[in-house]
Amino acid sequence: MAKNLSGELHVASANRLRDGMVVFLDEAGEWTTRLDRAAVARDERSAEILLARAQAEAFGVVDSFLVAVAESNDGTLEPLSLREKIRASGLTFDAIAAEAVRYA
């Protein structure tokens, strides 16, 4: 059985133009690299509003979109899809950035 990746909880994500880092929209309308500070939409209507806010706050970022997340009992957020887990961890970007610095 396929895993349900649509989820009920969503955060808005994008990539920062300055350095390509994955960022999340927080409650204040600022972009942060920390998933734990992201604004969480808890229903479909809130998700629509969050995406509209992300698109309105798109200065300095590219391709804002919603990411389905799960929230643990202690409030920790984790993306549901493997792709978004990788994006949120920054592992591949750090490796690419380190290689780019080496050749700069």
PDB file of N, CA and C in Angstrom:
ATOM      1  N   MET A   1       0.844  -1.182   0.000  1.00  0.00           N
ATOM      2  CA  MET A   1       0.000   0.000   0.000  1.00  0.00           C
ATOM      3  C   MET A   1       0.882   1.236   0.000  1.00  0.00           C
ATOM      4  N   ALA A   2       0.589   2.180  -0.865  1.00  0.00           N
ATOM      5  CA  ALA A   2       1.383   3.404  -0.981  1.00  0.00           C
ATOM      6  C   ALA A   2       1.164   4.302   0.233  1.00  0.00           C
ATOM      7  N   LYS A   3       2.213   4.966   0.614  1.00  0.00           N
ATOM      8  CA  LYS A   3       2.151   5.885   1.748  1.00  0.00           C
ATOM      9  C   LYS A   3       1.411   7.154   1.340  1.00  0.00           C
ATOM     10  N   ASN A   4       0.537   7.658   2.210  1.00  0.00           N
ATOM     11  CA  ASN A   4      -0.189   8.899   1.925  1.00  0.00           C
ATOM     12  C   ASN A   4       0.743  10.070   2.192  1.00  0.00           C
ATOM     13  N   LEU A   5       1.192  10.723   1.136  1.00  0.00           N
ATOM     14  CA  LEU A   5       2.120  11.840   1.267  1.00  0.00           C
ATOM     15  C   LEU A   5       1.424  13.187   1.204  1.00  0.00           C
ATOM     16  N   SER A   6       0.107  13.192   1.069  1.00  0.00           N
ATOM     17  CA  SER A   6      -0.588  14.475   1.008  1.00  0.00           C
ATOM     18  C   SER A   6      -0.672  15.100   2.390  1.00  0.00           C
ATOM     19  N   GLY A   7      -0.948  14.305   3.404  1.00  0.00           N
ATOM     20  CA  GLY A   7      -0.970  14.801   4.774  1.00  0.00           C
ATOM     21  C   GLY A   7      -2.012  15.873   5.019  1.00  0.00           C
ATOM     22  N   GLU A   8      -2.229  16.177   6.279  1.00  0.00           N
ATOM     23  CA  GLU A   8      -3.152  17.244   6.660  1.00  0.00           C
ATOM     24  C   GLU A   8      -2.404  18.496   7.067  1.00  0.00           C
ATOM     25  N   LEU A   9      -1.161  18.333   7.506  1.00  0.00           N
ATOM     26  CA  LEU A   9      -0.349  19.470   7.931  1.00  0.00           C
ATOM     27  C   LEU A   9       0.603  19.856   6.810  1.00  0.00           C
ATOM     28  N   HIS A  10       0.771  21.170   6.615  1.00  0.00           N
ATOM     29  CA  HIS A  10       1.666  21.651   5.560  1.00  0.00           C
ATOM     30  C   HIS A  10       2.494  22.826   6.052  1.00  0.00           C
ATOM     31  N   VAL A  11       3.678  22.966   5.474  1.00  0.00           N
ATOM     32  CA  VAL A  11       4.506  24.157   5.641  1.00  0.00           C
ATOM     33  C   VAL A  11       4.838  24.657   4.242  1.00  0.00           C
ATOM     34  N   ALA A  12       5.192  25.929   4.143  1.00  0.00           N
ATOM     35  CA  ALA A  12       5.583  26.505   2.851  1.00  0.00           C
ATOM     36  C   ALA A  12       7.099  26.471   2.753  1.00  0.00           C
ATOM     37  N   SER A  13       7.595  26.009   1.628  1.00  0.00           N
ATOM     38  CA  SER A  13       9.034  25.906   1.404  1.00  0.00           C
ATOM     39  C   SER A  13       9.404  26.562   0.079  1.00  0.00           C
ATOM     40  N   ALA A  14      10.665  26.928  -0.038  1.00  0.00           N
ATOM     41  CA  ALA A  14      11.201  27.513  -1.261  1.00  0.00           C
ATOM     42  C   ALA A  14      12.719  27.367  -1.202  1.00  0.00           C
ATOM     43  N   ASN A  15      13.402  27.890  -2.203  1.00  0.00           N
ATOM     44  CA  ASN A  15      14.857  27.959  -2.184  1.00  0.00           C
ATOM     45  C   ASN A  15      15.260  29.420  -2.213  1.00  0.00           C
ATOM     46  N   ARG A  16      16.200  29.771  -1.351  1.00  0.00           N
ATOM     47  CA  ARG A  16      16.693  31.138  -1.278  1.00  0.00           C
ATOM     48  C   ARG A  16      17.564  31.406  -2.499  1.00  0.00           C
ATOM     49  N   LEU A  17      17.320  32.522  -3.176  1.00  0.00           N
ATOM     50  CA  LEU A  17      18.061  32.858  -4.392  1.00  0.00           C
ATOM     51  C   LEU A  17      19.542  33.112  -4.128  1.00  0.00           C
ATOM     52  N   ARG A  18      19.837  33.710  -3.003  1.00  0.00           N
ATOM     53  CA  ARG A  18      21.208  34.108  -2.681  1.00  0.00           C
ATOM     54  C   ARG A  18      22.176  32.924  -2.652  1.00  0.00           C
ATOM     55  N   ASP A  19      21.726  31.795  -2.085  1.00  0.00           N
ATOM     56  CA  ASP A  19      22.645  30.673  -1.905  1.00  0.00           C
ATOM     57  C   ASP A  19      22.022  29.306  -2.178  1.00  0.00           C
ATOM     58  N   GLY A  20      20.759  29.263  -2.578  1.00  0.00           N
ATOM     59  CA  GLY A  20      20.120  28.001  -2.904  1.00  0.00           C
ATOM     60  C   GLY A  20      19.616  27.204  -1.714  1.00  0.00           C
ATOM     61  N   MET A  21      19.777  27.723  -0.510  1.00  0.00           N
ATOM     62  CA  MET A  21      19.359  26.995   0.691  1.00  0.00           C
ATOM     63  C   MET A  21      17.847  26.802   0.705  1.00  0.00           C
ATOM     64  N   VAL A  22      17.412  25.673   1.256  1.00  0.00           N
ATOM     65  CA  VAL A  22      15.997  25.400   1.461  1.00  0.00           C
ATOM     66  C   VAL A  22      15.531  26.254   2.629  1.00  0.00           C
ATOM     67  N   VAL A  23      14.410  26.936   2.446  1.00  0.00           N
ATOM     68  CA  VAL A  23      13.858  27.804   3.489  1.00  0.00           C
ATOM     69  C   VAL A  23      12.378  27.515   3.677  1.00  0.00           C
ATOM     70  N   PHE A  24      11.865  27.909   4.853  1.00  0.00           N
ATOM     71  CA  PHE A  24      10.475  27.704   5.222  1.00  0.00           C
ATOM     72  C   PHE A  24       9.908  29.027   5.714  1.00  0.00           C
ATOM     73  N   LEU A  25       8.658  29.289   5.394  1.00  0.00           N
ATOM     74  CA  LEU A  25       8.014  30.522   5.815  1.00  0.00           C
ATOM     75  C   LEU A  25       7.570  30.394   7.271  1.00  0.00           C
ATOM     76  N   ASP A  26       7.937  31.382   8.109  1.00  0.00           N
ATOM     77  CA  ASP A  26       7.525  31.343   9.512  1.00  0.00           C
ATOM     78  C   ASP A  26       6.270  32.186   9.721  1.00  0.00           C
ATOM     79  N   GLU A  27       5.793  32.226  10.955  1.00  0.00           N
ATOM     80  CA  GLU A  27       4.551  32.957  11.270  1.00  0.00           C
ATOM     81  C   GLU A  27       4.657  34.456  10.998  1.00  0.00           C
ATOM     82  N   ALA A  28       5.863  35.003  11.078  1.00  0.00           N
ATOM     83  CA  ALA A  28       6.064  36.435  10.866  1.00  0.00           C
ATOM     84  C   ALA A  28       6.202  36.801   9.390  1.00  0.00           C
ATOM     85  N   GLY A  29       6.155  35.794   8.505  1.00  0.00           N
ATOM     86  CA  GLY A  29       6.302  36.057   7.080  1.00  0.00           C
ATOM     87  C   GLY A  29       7.744  36.143   6.631  1.00  0.00           C
ATOM     88  N   GLU A  30       8.651  35.647   7.451  1.00  0.00           N
ATOM     89  CA  GLU A  30      10.075  35.619   7.128  1.00  0.00           C
ATOM     90  C   GLU A  30      10.466  34.202   6.697  1.00  0.00           C
ATOM     91  N   TRP A  31      11.490  34.112   5.867  1.00  0.00           N
ATOM     92  CA  TRP A  31      11.988  32.811   5.433  1.00  0.00           C
ATOM     93  C   TRP A  31      13.104  32.368   6.371  1.00  0.00           C
ATOM     94  N   THR A  32      13.028  31.139   6.862  1.00  0.00           N
ATOM     95  CA  THR A  32      14.009  30.586   7.783  1.00  0.00           C
ATOM     96  C   THR A  32      14.501  29.240   7.272  1.00  0.00           C
ATOM     97  N   THR A  33      15.716  28.904   7.601  1.00  0.00           N
ATOM     98  CA  THR A  33      16.253  27.594   7.214  1.00  0.00           C
ATOM     99  C   THR A  33      15.822  26.505   8.191  1.00  0.00           C
ATOM    100  N   ARG A  34      15.150  26.892   9.262  1.00  0.00           N
ATOM    101  CA  ARG A  34      14.773  25.937  10.304  1.00  0.00           C
ATOM    102  C   ARG A  34      13.324  25.482  10.165  1.00  0.00           C
ATOM    103  N   LEU A  35      13.160  24.203   9.890  1.00  0.00           N
ATOM    104  CA  LEU A  35      11.829  23.621   9.751  1.00  0.00           C
ATOM    105  C   LEU A  35      11.022  23.768  11.038  1.00  0.00           C
ATOM    106  N   ASP A  36      11.683  23.704  12.180  1.00  0.00           N
ATOM    107  CA  ASP A  36      10.958  23.793  13.454  1.00  0.00           C
ATOM    108  C   ASP A  36      10.360  25.171  13.702  1.00  0.00           C
ATOM    109  N   ARG A  37      10.746  26.162  12.923  1.00  0.00           N
ATOM    110  CA  ARG A  37      10.185  27.511  13.053  1.00  0.00           C
ATOM    111  C   ARG A  37       9.154  27.833  11.982  1.00  0.00           C
ATOM    112  N   ALA A  38       8.859  26.869  11.124  1.00  0.00           N
ATOM    113  CA  ALA A  38       7.924  27.091  10.019  1.00  0.00           C
ATOM    114  C   ALA A  38       6.494  27.241  10.524  1.00  0.00           C
ATOM    115  N   ALA A  39       5.739  28.089   9.835  1.00  0.00           N
ATOM    116  CA  ALA A  39       4.300  28.213  10.098  1.00  0.00           C
ATOM    117  C   ALA A  39       3.632  26.937   9.596  1.00  0.00           C
ATOM    118  N   VAL A  40       2.731  26.393  10.378  1.00  0.00           N
ATOM    119  CA  VAL A  40       2.072  25.132  10.026  1.00  0.00           C
ATOM    120  C   VAL A  40       0.600  25.388   9.702  1.00  0.00           C
ATOM    121  N   ALA A  41       0.192  24.935   8.522  1.00  0.00           N
ATOM    122  CA  ALA A  41      -1.217  24.971   8.137  1.00  0.00           C
ATOM    123  C   ALA A  41      -1.830  23.642   8.554  1.00  0.00           C
ATOM    124  N   ARG A  42      -2.931  23.707   9.313  1.00  0.00           N
ATOM    125  CA  ARG A  42      -3.515  22.492   9.893  1.00  0.00           C
ATOM    126  C   ARG A  42      -4.777  22.008   9.192  1.00  0.00           C
ATOM    127  N   ASP A  43      -5.192  22.705   8.129  1.00  0.00           N
ATOM    128  CA  ASP A  43      -6.330  22.256   7.331  1.00  0.00           C
ATOM    129  C   ASP A  43      -6.173  22.798   5.918  1.00  0.00           C
ATOM    130  N   GLU A  44      -7.062  22.373   5.032  1.00  0.00           N
ATOM    131  CA  GLU A  44      -6.950  22.735   3.613  1.00  0.00           C
ATOM    132  C   GLU A  44      -7.017  24.241   3.384  1.00  0.00           C
ATOM    133  N   ARG A  45      -7.954  24.909   4.044  1.00  0.00           N
ATOM    134  CA  ARG A  45      -8.097  26.369   3.869  1.00  0.00           C
ATOM    135  C   ARG A  45      -6.855  27.105   4.370  1.00  0.00           C
ATOM    136  N   SER A  46      -6.329  26.687   5.518  1.00  0.00           N
ATOM    137  CA  SER A  46      -5.106  27.300   6.049  1.00  0.00           C
ATOM    138  C   SER A  46      -3.927  27.073   5.111  1.00  0.00           C
ATOM    139  N   ALA A  47      -3.888  25.905   4.477  1.00  0.00           N
ATOM    140  CA  ALA A  47      -2.819  25.608   3.528  1.00  0.00           C
ATOM    141  C   ALA A  47      -2.890  26.543   2.319  1.00  0.00           C
ATOM    142  N   GLU A  48      -4.099  26.803   1.840  1.00  0.00           N
ATOM    143  CA  GLU A  48      -4.275  27.729   0.716  1.00  0.00           C
ATOM    144  C   GLU A  48      -3.788  29.128   1.094  1.00  0.00           C
ATOM    145  N   ILE A  49      -4.129  29.557   2.295  1.00  0.00           N
ATOM    146  CA  ILE A  49      -3.716  30.881   2.776  1.00  0.00           C
ATOM    147  C   ILE A  49      -2.197  30.932   2.943  1.00  0.00           C
ATOM    148  N   LEU A  50      -1.620  29.866   3.500  1.00  0.00           N
ATOM    149  CA  LEU A  50      -0.169  29.816   3.696  1.00  0.00           C
ATOM    150  C   LEU A  50       0.563  29.888   2.356  1.00  0.00           C
ATOM    151  N   LEU A  51       0.079  29.166   1.362  1.00  0.00           N
ATOM    152  CA  LEU A  51       0.711  29.214   0.048  1.00  0.00           C
ATOM    153  C   LEU A  51       0.601  30.610  -0.559  1.00  0.00           C
ATOM    154  N   ALA A  52      -0.538  31.258  -0.412  1.00  0.00           N
ATOM    155  CA  ALA A  52      -0.706  32.629  -0.918  1.00  0.00           C
ATOM    156  C   ALA A  52       0.257  33.578  -0.210  1.00  0.00           C
ATOM    157  N   ARG A  53       0.427  33.414   1.101  1.00  0.00           N
ATOM    158  CA  ARG A  53       1.394  34.233   1.851  1.00  0.00           C
ATOM    159  C   ARG A  53       2.811  33.987   1.344  1.00  0.00           C
ATOM    160  N   ALA A  54       3.147  32.726   1.109  1.00  0.00           N
ATOM    161  CA  ALA A  54       4.488  32.382   0.630  1.00  0.00           C
ATOM    162  C   ALA A  54       4.750  33.022  -0.728  1.00  0.00           C
ATOM    163  N   GLN A  55       3.765  32.987  -1.586  1.00  0.00           N
ATOM    164  CA  GLN A  55       3.925  33.581  -2.911  1.00  0.00           C
ATOM    165  C   GLN A  55       4.025  35.097  -2.818  1.00  0.00           C
ATOM    166  N   ALA A  56       3.319  35.705  -1.855  1.00  0.00           N
ATOM    167  CA  ALA A  56       3.394  37.152  -1.660  1.00  0.00           C
ATOM    168  C   ALA A  56       4.729  37.567  -1.049  1.00  0.00           C
ATOM    169  N   GLU A  57       5.346  36.685  -0.282  1.00  0.00           N
ATOM    170  CA  GLU A  57       6.626  36.966   0.380  1.00  0.00           C
ATOM    171  C   GLU A  57       7.785  36.372  -0.412  1.00  0.00           C
ATOM    172  N   ALA A  58       7.633  36.264  -1.722  1.00  0.00           N
ATOM    173  CA  ALA A  58       8.597  35.552  -2.555  1.00  0.00           C
ATOM    174  C   ALA A  58       9.855  36.347  -2.893  1.00  0.00           C
ATOM    175  N   PHE A  59      10.010  37.549  -2.347  1.00  0.00           N
ATOM    176  CA  PHE A  59      11.227  38.306  -2.608  1.00  0.00           C
ATOM    177  C   PHE A  59      12.422  37.565  -2.017  1.00  0.00           C
ATOM    178  N   GLY A  60      13.384  37.247  -2.846  1.00  0.00           N
ATOM    179  CA  GLY A  60      14.589  36.561  -2.375  1.00  0.00           C
ATOM    180  C   GLY A  60      14.516  35.052  -2.391  1.00  0.00           C
ATOM    181  N   VAL A  61      13.362  34.504  -2.812  1.00  0.00           N
ATOM    182  CA  VAL A  61      13.232  33.049  -2.917  1.00  0.00           C
ATOM    183  C   VAL A  61      12.621  32.690  -4.265  1.00  0.00           C
ATOM    184  N   VAL A  62      12.707  31.414  -4.602  1.00  0.00           N
ATOM    185  CA  VAL A  62      12.139  30.940  -5.858  1.00  0.00           C
ATOM    186  C   VAL A  62      11.347  29.662  -5.600  1.00  0.00           C
ATOM    187  N   ASP A  63      10.267  29.504  -6.352  1.00  0.00           N
ATOM    188  CA  ASP A  63       9.466  28.279  -6.362  1.00  0.00           C
ATOM    189  C   ASP A  63       8.896  27.900  -5.006  1.00  0.00           C
ATOM    190  N   SER A  64       8.122  28.782  -4.397  1.00  0.00           N
ATOM    191  CA  SER A  64       7.486  28.429  -3.129  1.00  0.00           C
ATOM    192  C   SER A  64       6.367  27.418  -3.380  1.00  0.00           C
ATOM    193  N   PHE A  65       6.260  26.460  -2.478  1.00  0.00           N
ATOM    194  CA  PHE A  65       5.242  25.416  -2.579  1.00  0.00           C
ATOM    195  C   PHE A  65       4.979  24.835  -1.197  1.00  0.00           C
ATOM    196  N   LEU A  66       3.924  24.043  -1.086  1.00  0.00           N
ATOM    197  CA  LEU A  66       3.571  23.428   0.190  1.00  0.00           C
ATOM    198  C   LEU A  66       4.231  22.061   0.335  1.00  0.00           C
ATOM    199  N   VAL A  67       4.644  21.767   1.558  1.00  0.00           N
ATOM    200  CA  VAL A  67       5.246  20.479   1.883  1.00  0.00           C
ATOM    201  C   VAL A  67       4.391  19.824   2.968  1.00  0.00           C
ATOM    202  N   ALA A  68       3.973  18.591   2.726  1.00  0.00           N
ATOM    203  CA  ALA A  68       3.218  17.840   3.733  1.00  0.00           C
ATOM    204  C   ALA A  68       4.182  17.400   4.829  1.00  0.00           C
ATOM    205  N   VAL A  69       3.777  17.623   6.078  1.00  0.00           N
ATOM    206  CA  VAL A  69       4.619  17.259   7.220  1.00  0.00           C
ATOM    207  C   VAL A  69       3.794  16.492   8.248  1.00  0.00           C
ATOM    208  N   ALA A  70       4.518  15.786   9.105  1.00  0.00           N
ATOM    209  CA  ALA A  70       3.920  15.124  10.265  1.00  0.00           C
ATOM    210  C   ALA A  70       4.457  15.818  11.499  1.00  0.00           C
ATOM    211  N   GLU A  71       3.640  15.862  12.545  1.00  0.00           N
ATOM    212  CA  GLU A  71       4.055  16.488  13.788  1.00  0.00           C
ATOM    213  C   GLU A  71       4.019  15.437  14.888  1.00  0.00           C
ATOM    214  N   SER A  72       5.148  15.274  15.581  1.00  0.00           N
ATOM    215  CA  SER A  72       5.204  14.305  16.672  1.00  0.00           C
ATOM    216  C   SER A  72       4.548  14.890  17.914  1.00  0.00           C
ATOM    217  N   ASN A  73       4.415  14.075  18.939  1.00  0.00           N
ATOM    218  CA  ASN A  73       3.794  14.519  20.189  1.00  0.00           C
ATOM    219  C   ASN A  73       4.539  15.684  20.831  1.00  0.00           C
ATOM    220  N   ASP A  74       5.858  15.764  20.615  1.00  0.00           N
ATOM    221  CA  ASP A  74       6.630  16.864  21.196  1.00  0.00           C
ATOM    222  C   ASP A  74       6.685  18.095  20.295  1.00  0.00           C
ATOM    223  N   GLY A  75       5.943  18.064  19.168  1.00  0.00           N
ATOM    224  CA  GLY A  75       5.865  19.217  18.275  1.00  0.00           C
ATOM    225  C   GLY A  75       6.901  19.242  17.171  1.00  0.00           C
ATOM    226  N   THR A  76       7.746  18.227  17.102  1.00  0.00           N
ATOM    227  CA  THR A  76       8.763  18.150  16.051  1.00  0.00           C
ATOM    228  C   THR A  76       8.094  17.897  14.705  1.00  0.00           C
ATOM    229  N   LEU A  77       8.505  18.653  13.698  1.00  0.00           N
ATOM    230  CA  LEU A  77       7.967  18.496  12.345  1.00  0.00           C
ATOM    231  C   LEU A  77       8.926  17.673  11.506  1.00  0.00           C
ATOM    232  N   GLU A  78       8.350  16.816  10.655  1.00  0.00           N
ATOM    233  CA  GLU A  78       9.157  16.038   9.724  1.00  0.00           C
ATOM    234  C   GLU A  78       8.407  15.917   8.408  1.00  0.00           C
ATOM    235  N   PRO A  79       9.075  16.213   7.300  1.00  0.00           N
ATOM    236  CA  PRO A  79       8.424  16.050   5.993  1.00  0.00           C
ATOM    237  C   PRO A  79       8.023  14.598   5.774  1.00  0.00           C
ATOM    238  N   LEU A  80       6.949  14.382   5.028  1.00  0.00           N
ATOM    239  CA  LEU A  80       6.477  13.030   4.773  1.00  0.00           C
ATOM    240  C   LEU A  80       7.202  12.351   3.624  1.00  0.00           C
ATOM    241  N   SER A  81       7.588  13.108   2.608  1.00  0.00           N
ATOM    242  CA  SER A  81       8.233  12.492   1.440  1.00  0.00           C
ATOM    243  C   SER A  81       9.751  12.448   1.611  1.00  0.00           C
ATOM    244  N   LEU A  82      10.356  11.446   1.016  1.00  0.00           N
ATOM    245  CA  LEU A  82      11.814  11.311   1.074  1.00  0.00           C
ATOM    246  C   LEU A  82      12.502  12.524   0.459  1.00  0.00           C
ATOM    247  N   ARG A  83      11.979  12.998  -0.656  1.00  0.00           N
ATOM    248  CA  ARG A  83      12.558  14.178  -1.315  1.00  0.00           C
ATOM    249  C   ARG A  83      12.637  15.357  -0.351  1.00  0.00           C
ATOM    250  N   GLU A  84      11.538  15.609   0.357  1.00  0.00           N
ATOM    251  CA  GLU A  84      11.511  16.756   1.260  1.00  0.00           C
ATOM    252  C   GLU A  84      12.346  16.515   2.510  1.00  0.00           C
ATOM    253  N   LYS A  85      12.484  15.259   2.937  1.00  0.00           N
ATOM    254  CA  LYS A  85      13.386  14.946   4.051  1.00  0.00           C
ATOM    255  C   LYS A  85      14.821  15.296   3.667  1.00  0.00           C
ATOM    256  N   ILE A  86      15.197  14.953   2.442  1.00  0.00           N
ATOM    257  CA  ILE A  86      16.544  15.265   1.957  1.00  0.00           C
ATOM    258  C   ILE A  86      16.723  16.778   1.846  1.00  0.00           C
ATOM    259  N   ARG A  87      15.742  17.468   1.277  1.00  0.00           N
ATOM    260  CA  ARG A  87      15.837  18.932   1.155  1.00  0.00           C
ATOM    261  C   ARG A  87      15.972  19.588   2.526  1.00  0.00           C
ATOM    262  N   ALA A  88      15.169  19.133   3.497  1.00  0.00           N
ATOM    263  CA  ALA A  88      15.182  19.728   4.834  1.00  0.00           C
ATOM    264  C   ALA A  88      16.487  19.454   5.577  1.00  0.00           C
ATOM    265  N   SER A  89      17.122  18.323   5.286  1.00  0.00           N
ATOM    266  CA  SER A  89      18.355  17.974   5.997  1.00  0.00           C
ATOM    267  C   SER A  89      19.549  18.769   5.484  1.00  0.00           C
ATOM    268  N   GLY A  90      19.484  19.208   4.225  1.00  0.00           N
ATOM    269  CA  GLY A  90      20.584  19.981   3.668  1.00  0.00           C
ATOM    270  C   GLY A  90      21.809  19.155   3.325  1.00  0.00           C
ATOM    271  N   LEU A  91      21.742  17.851   3.473  1.00  0.00           N
ATOM    272  CA  LEU A  91      22.920  17.005   3.271  1.00  0.00           C
ATOM    273  C   LEU A  91      23.511  17.123   1.880  1.00  0.00           C
ATOM    274  N   THR A  92      22.679  17.034   0.854  1.00  0.00           N
ATOM    275  CA  THR A  92      23.216  17.082  -0.494  1.00  0.00           C
ATOM    276  C   THR A  92      23.735  18.476  -0.817  1.00  0.00           C
ATOM    277  N   PHE A  93      23.075  19.506  -0.332  1.00  0.00           N
ATOM    278  CA  PHE A  93      23.534  20.863  -0.613  1.00  0.00           C
ATOM    279  C   PHE A  93      24.887  21.108   0.044  1.00  0.00           C
ATOM    280  N   ASP A  94      25.060  20.669   1.289  1.00  0.00           N
ATOM    281  CA  ASP A  94      26.332  20.869   1.982  1.00  0.00           C
ATOM    282  C   ASP A  94      27.482  20.226   1.216  1.00  0.00           C
ATOM    283  N   ALA A  95      27.242  19.041   0.684  1.00  0.00           N
ATOM    284  CA  ALA A  95      28.286  18.350  -0.071  1.00  0.00           C
ATOM    285  C   ALA A  95      28.633  19.116  -1.347  1.00  0.00           C
ATOM    286  N   ILE A  96      27.615  19.607  -2.040  1.00  0.00           N
ATOM    287  CA  ILE A  96      27.840  20.375  -3.269  1.00  0.00           C
ATOM    288  C   ILE A  96      28.534  21.694  -2.946  1.00  0.00           C
ATOM    289  N   ALA A  97      28.090  22.363  -1.887  1.00  0.00           N
ATOM    290  CA  ALA A  97      28.693  23.641  -1.502  1.00  0.00           C
ATOM    291  C   ALA A  97      30.155  23.466  -1.124  1.00  0.00           C
ATOM    292  N   ALA A  98      30.474  22.417  -0.393  1.00  0.00           N
ATOM    293  CA  ALA A  98      31.863  22.167   0.012  1.00  0.00           C
ATOM    294  C   ALA A  98      32.741  21.940  -1.217  1.00  0.00           C
ATOM    295  N   GLU A  99      32.212  21.226  -2.188  1.00  0.00           N
ATOM    296  CA  GLU A  99      32.968  20.964  -3.415  1.00  0.00           C
ATOM    297  C   GLU A  99      33.161  22.266  -4.208  1.00  0.00           C
ATOM    298  N   ALA A 100      32.132  23.113  -4.252  1.00  0.00           N
ATOM    299  CA  ALA A 100      32.225  24.386  -4.969  1.00  0.00           C
ATOM    300  C   ALA A 100      33.252  25.300  -4.326  1.00  0.00           C
ATOM    301  N   VAL A 101      33.290  25.340  -3.011  1.00  0.00           N
ATOM    302  CA  VAL A 101      34.259  26.179  -2.299  1.00  0.00           C
ATOM    303  C   VAL A 101      35.667  25.695  -2.572  1.00  0.00           C
ATOM    304  N   ARG A 102      35.824  24.407  -2.635  1.00  0.00           N
ATOM    305  CA  ARG A 102      37.154  23.820  -2.886  1.00  0.00           C
ATOM    306  C   ARG A 102      37.730  24.297  -4.222  1.00  0.00           C
ATOM    307  N   TYR A 103      36.855  24.480  -5.215  1.00  0.00           N
ATOM    308  CA  TYR A 103      37.313  24.864  -6.548  1.00  0.00           C
ATOM    309  C   TYR A 103      37.213  26.368  -6.820  1.00  0.00           C
ATOM    310  N   ALA A 104      36.732  27.127  -5.850  1.00  0.00           N
ATOM    311  CA  ALA A 104      36.554  28.569  -6.056  1.00  0.00           C
ATOM    312  C   ALA A 104      37.873  29.314  -5.981  1.00  0.00           C
TER     313      ALA A 104
END
